[in-house]
Amino acid sequence: MKKTYKSPNISCVSCANLIKASLEDEFNDITVNLDSTPKEVTVEIENEEQEKRFFEEMEELGFKIEV
C-alpha cells in the first residue's frame, strides 16, 4: 500500500536523490514531492515492520518523518 509521509528537513533535489538512491532497493518506487511544505515522501509499505525500517533508515539519512 502506498503511504505518504511528511519530512520537514528535506530541502532540495539532492536530498530527494539521496533518499531514492539509498532506499529504492528495499522500498521500490519512492516519490519525493518538493512542492509541498513540509516535503512529502510517498513509498510502498507492506506492513508495520517495513514502515518501522523506513522511519529508521530515513532517520539515518538525516531526514525525520513527522508522525
Protein backbone atom coordinates (compact mmCIF):
# COMPACT_ATOMS: atom_id res chain seq x y z
CA MET A 1 0.00 0.00 0.00
CA LYS A 2 1.35 3.43 -0.90
CA LYS A 3 1.74 5.78 2.03
CA THR A 4 2.79 9.42 2.15
CA TYR A 5 4.88 10.84 4.99
CA LYS A 6 5.89 14.41 5.77
CA SER A 7 9.54 15.27 6.35
CA PRO A 8 10.31 18.90 7.24
CA ASN A 9 14.06 18.80 6.65
CA ILE A 10 14.08 17.65 3.02
CA SER A 11 15.11 20.81 1.20
CA CYS A 12 16.27 20.13 -2.35
CA VAL A 13 16.66 17.82 -5.33
CA SER A 14 19.91 16.44 -3.88
CA CYS A 15 18.03 15.36 -0.74
CA ALA A 16 15.37 13.67 -2.87
CA ASN A 17 18.01 11.90 -4.97
CA LEU A 18 19.80 10.68 -1.83
CA ILE A 19 16.57 9.22 -0.43
CA LYS A 20 15.72 7.50 -3.71
CA ALA A 21 19.23 6.11 -4.27
CA SER A 22 19.53 4.85 -0.71
CA LEU A 23 16.08 3.30 -0.26
CA GLU A 24 14.77 2.22 -3.68
CA ASP A 25 16.24 -1.28 -3.44
CA GLU A 26 14.18 -2.05 -0.36
CA PHE A 27 11.11 0.15 -0.91
CA ASN A 28 10.85 0.13 -4.73
CA ASP A 29 9.15 3.21 -6.16
CA ILE A 30 9.80 6.27 -3.99
CA THR A 31 8.40 9.70 -4.85
CA VAL A 32 9.54 12.90 -3.15
CA ASN A 33 7.25 15.91 -3.52
CA LEU A 34 9.40 19.03 -3.27
CA ASP A 35 6.44 21.34 -3.97
CA SER A 36 4.68 20.71 -0.64
CA THR A 37 5.53 22.19 2.74
CA PRO A 38 6.68 20.19 4.57
CA LYS A 39 8.07 17.98 1.82
CA GLU A 40 6.38 14.60 1.28
CA VAL A 41 7.78 11.15 0.60
CA THR A 42 5.47 8.54 -0.90
CA VAL A 43 6.59 4.93 -0.59
CA GLU A 44 5.20 1.40 -0.89
CA ILE A 45 4.77 -0.03 2.64
CA GLU A 46 3.59 -3.62 3.10
CA ASN A 47 3.48 -3.94 6.90
CA GLU A 48 4.31 -2.25 10.22
CA GLU A 49 7.79 -3.80 10.36
CA GLN A 50 8.69 -2.36 6.96
CA GLU A 51 7.26 1.02 7.99
CA LYS A 52 9.47 0.99 11.10
CA ARG A 53 12.53 0.20 8.93
CA PHE A 54 11.60 3.07 6.61
CA PHE A 55 11.45 5.51 9.55
CA GLU A 56 14.80 4.24 10.88
CA GLU A 57 16.54 4.43 7.50
CA MET A 58 15.20 7.94 6.84
CA GLU A 59 16.49 8.99 10.27
CA GLU A 60 19.92 7.51 9.46
CA LEU A 61 19.99 9.62 6.28
CA GLY A 62 19.19 12.70 8.38
CA PHE A 63 15.52 13.08 7.48
CA LYS A 64 12.97 12.99 10.28
CA ILE A 65 9.47 11.76 9.49
CA GLU A 66 6.57 13.61 11.11
CA VAL A 67 4.07 11.15 12.56
